[in-house]
Amino acid sequence: MEQPKIKPDKHVKSPDFHGAALIDDNGREIPITEDMVQDAFSDLDQKAENHSAKKPSSIQQ
């Protein structure tokens, strides 16, 4: 008896999570992308620069 052949749906692409994802309020997995990580680091760098600019000059090194 021959098994029916299952054709993969060409329109549905599985995301490549590499094990890293966020779970939203609806339980959906959102993959963490390289762009998301780079944006987060850029935001942290900017906040650190703004924070150090607010310190009095006698404290800055």
Protein backbone atom coordinates (compact mmCIF):
# COMPACT_ATOMS: atom_id res chain seq x y z
CA MET A 1 0.00 0.00 0.00
CA GLU A 2 1.50 3.34 -1.05
CA GLN A 3 1.66 6.22 1.42
CA PRO A 4 0.15 9.50 0.22
CA LYS A 5 2.79 12.06 -0.65
CA ILE A 6 2.64 15.24 1.39
CA LYS A 7 3.62 18.34 -0.50
CA PRO A 8 5.16 21.07 1.62
CA ASP A 9 3.31 24.37 1.51
CA LYS A 10 5.62 26.75 -0.32
CA HIS A 11 3.90 29.78 1.20
CA VAL A 12 4.53 28.82 4.82
CA LYS A 13 8.11 29.35 5.92
CA SER A 14 9.15 28.19 9.35
CA PRO A 15 11.20 30.80 11.16
CA ASP A 16 14.69 29.81 12.21
CA PHE A 17 14.63 30.60 15.93
CA HIS A 18 18.06 29.23 16.84
CA GLY A 19 16.46 28.65 20.23
CA ALA A 20 15.78 32.34 20.96
CA ALA A 21 12.27 33.75 20.92
CA LEU A 22 9.95 36.02 22.84
CA ILE A 23 6.45 34.92 23.78
CA ASP A 24 3.79 37.59 23.31
CA ASP A 25 0.59 37.98 25.33
CA ASN A 26 -1.23 35.65 22.93
CA GLY A 27 1.34 32.86 23.28
CA ARG A 28 2.91 33.41 19.86
CA GLU A 29 6.64 32.95 19.49
CA ILE A 30 8.50 35.93 18.04
CA PRO A 31 12.04 35.09 16.95
CA ILE A 32 14.78 37.33 18.32
CA THR A 33 16.61 38.65 15.27
CA GLU A 34 20.10 40.07 14.87
CA ASP A 35 18.51 43.47 14.15
CA MET A 36 16.58 43.33 17.43
CA VAL A 37 19.77 42.64 19.37
CA GLN A 38 21.72 45.39 17.57
CA ASP A 39 18.89 47.89 18.21
CA ALA A 40 18.83 46.98 21.90
CA PHE A 41 22.60 47.50 22.21
CA SER A 42 22.37 50.82 20.37
CA ASP A 43 19.63 51.96 22.76
CA LEU A 44 21.75 50.95 25.75
CA ASP A 45 24.79 52.79 24.37
CA GLN A 46 22.74 55.93 23.81
CA LYS A 47 21.22 55.78 27.31
CA ALA A 48 24.67 55.28 28.83
CA GLU A 49 26.02 58.29 26.94
CA ASN A 50 23.06 60.44 28.03
CA HIS A 51 23.46 59.29 31.63
CA SER A 52 27.19 60.06 31.73
CA ALA A 53 26.58 63.49 30.16
CA LYS A 54 24.27 64.40 33.08
CA LYS A 55 26.93 63.70 35.76
CA PRO A 56 28.71 66.73 37.26
CA SER A 57 32.12 67.31 35.69
CA SER A 58 33.93 66.61 38.97
CA ILE A 59 32.67 63.00 38.89
CA GLN A 60 33.46 62.28 35.24
CA GLN A 61 36.78 60.66 34.48
